[in-house]
N, C-alpha and C. Protein backbone atom coordinates (compact mmCIF):
# COMPACT_ATOMS: atom_id res chain seq x y z
N UNK A 1 49.08 136.62 35.15
CA UNK A 1 49.49 135.23 35.30
C UNK A 1 48.50 134.52 36.24
N UNK A 2 48.09 133.35 35.84
CA UNK A 2 47.15 132.57 36.64
C UNK A 2 47.94 131.73 37.64
N UNK A 3 47.53 131.83 38.89
CA UNK A 3 48.20 131.04 39.93
C UNK A 3 47.49 129.70 40.04
N UNK A 4 48.27 128.64 39.96
CA UNK A 4 47.72 127.29 40.06
C UNK A 4 47.68 126.84 41.52
N UNK A 5 46.70 126.00 41.81
CA UNK A 5 46.66 125.39 43.13
C UNK A 5 47.73 124.30 43.17
N UNK A 6 48.39 124.20 44.29
CA UNK A 6 49.47 123.22 44.44
C UNK A 6 48.91 121.80 44.32
N UNK A 7 49.56 121.01 43.48
CA UNK A 7 49.12 119.63 43.29
C UNK A 7 50.12 118.68 43.94
N UNK A 8 49.64 117.53 44.31
CA UNK A 8 50.53 116.49 44.84
C UNK A 8 50.48 115.31 43.89
N UNK A 9 51.57 114.59 43.81
CA UNK A 9 51.68 113.46 42.89
C UNK A 9 52.03 112.20 43.67
N UNK A 10 51.40 111.10 43.29
CA UNK A 10 51.68 109.83 43.95
C UNK A 10 53.05 109.31 43.52
N UNK A 11 53.59 108.42 44.32
CA UNK A 11 54.86 107.80 43.97
C UNK A 11 54.74 107.05 42.65
N UNK A 12 53.60 106.44 42.42
CA UNK A 12 53.37 105.70 41.17
C UNK A 12 53.43 106.65 39.96
N UNK A 13 52.79 107.81 40.09
CA UNK A 13 52.80 108.79 39.01
C UNK A 13 54.22 109.26 38.73
N UNK A 14 54.98 109.53 39.78
CA UNK A 14 56.36 109.98 39.63
C UNK A 14 57.20 108.93 38.91
N UNK A 15 57.03 107.68 39.30
CA UNK A 15 57.77 106.59 38.65
C UNK A 15 57.41 106.52 37.17
N UNK A 16 56.13 106.71 36.86
CA UNK A 16 55.68 106.67 35.48
C UNK A 16 56.35 107.78 34.66
N UNK A 17 56.46 108.97 35.24
CA UNK A 17 57.10 110.09 34.54
C UNK A 17 58.57 109.80 34.27
N UNK A 18 59.25 109.22 35.26
CA UNK A 18 60.66 108.85 35.09
C UNK A 18 60.80 107.80 34.00
N UNK A 19 59.93 106.82 33.99
CA UNK A 19 59.99 105.77 32.97
C UNK A 19 59.77 106.34 31.58
N UNK A 20 58.83 107.25 31.43
CA UNK A 20 58.59 107.88 30.14
C UNK A 20 59.85 108.60 29.66
N UNK A 21 60.49 109.33 30.55
CA UNK A 21 61.70 110.07 30.19
C UNK A 21 62.85 109.11 29.84
N UNK A 22 63.00 108.06 30.63
CA UNK A 22 64.08 107.09 30.37
C UNK A 22 63.84 106.32 29.07
N UNK A 23 62.58 106.21 28.66
CA UNK A 23 62.26 105.51 27.43
C UNK A 23 62.34 106.42 26.20
N UNK A 24 62.80 107.66 26.40
CA UNK A 24 63.07 108.53 25.27
C UNK A 24 62.09 109.67 25.03
N UNK A 25 61.06 109.78 25.84
CA UNK A 25 60.12 110.89 25.68
C UNK A 25 60.79 112.17 26.18
N UNK A 26 60.64 113.25 25.45
CA UNK A 26 61.29 114.50 25.85
C UNK A 26 60.58 115.12 27.05
N UNK A 27 61.33 115.93 27.80
CA UNK A 27 60.74 116.64 28.94
C UNK A 27 59.58 117.51 28.48
N UNK A 28 59.78 118.21 27.38
CA UNK A 28 58.74 119.11 26.86
C UNK A 28 57.46 118.32 26.54
N UNK A 29 57.59 117.14 25.95
CA UNK A 29 56.42 116.33 25.61
C UNK A 29 55.68 115.86 26.86
N UNK A 30 56.42 115.47 27.88
CA UNK A 30 55.80 115.02 29.14
C UNK A 30 55.09 116.19 29.81
N UNK A 31 55.75 117.34 29.86
CA UNK A 31 55.16 118.53 30.48
C UNK A 31 53.86 118.90 29.78
N UNK A 32 53.88 118.91 28.46
CA UNK A 32 52.68 119.27 27.69
C UNK A 32 51.57 118.25 27.86
N UNK A 33 51.90 116.98 27.78
CA UNK A 33 50.89 115.92 27.84
C UNK A 33 50.20 115.84 29.21
N UNK A 34 50.96 116.04 30.28
CA UNK A 34 50.40 115.89 31.62
C UNK A 34 50.14 117.22 32.32
N UNK A 35 50.25 118.32 31.58
CA UNK A 35 49.98 119.66 32.10
C UNK A 35 50.78 119.94 33.37
N UNK A 36 52.09 119.71 33.28
CA UNK A 36 52.99 119.93 34.41
C UNK A 36 53.76 121.23 34.20
N UNK A 37 54.36 121.72 35.27
CA UNK A 37 55.30 122.83 35.14
C UNK A 37 56.69 122.23 35.02
N UNK A 38 57.61 122.97 34.41
CA UNK A 38 58.98 122.43 34.30
C UNK A 38 59.59 122.08 35.64
N UNK A 39 59.30 122.86 36.67
CA UNK A 39 59.89 122.56 37.98
C UNK A 39 59.27 121.33 38.64
N UNK A 40 58.03 121.01 38.29
CA UNK A 40 57.41 119.82 38.89
C UNK A 40 57.95 118.55 38.26
N UNK A 41 58.42 118.67 37.03
CA UNK A 41 58.98 117.48 36.40
C UNK A 41 60.41 117.30 36.86
């Protein structure tokens, strides 16, 4: 298993992720598109 370096996200990025989810995008699609881990989303 490859260990990733810890990333930090801006408040703006977090708001964008929430908006995408509220607008109907699935969690899986957001995770795949932005290369996130499930726990970071």
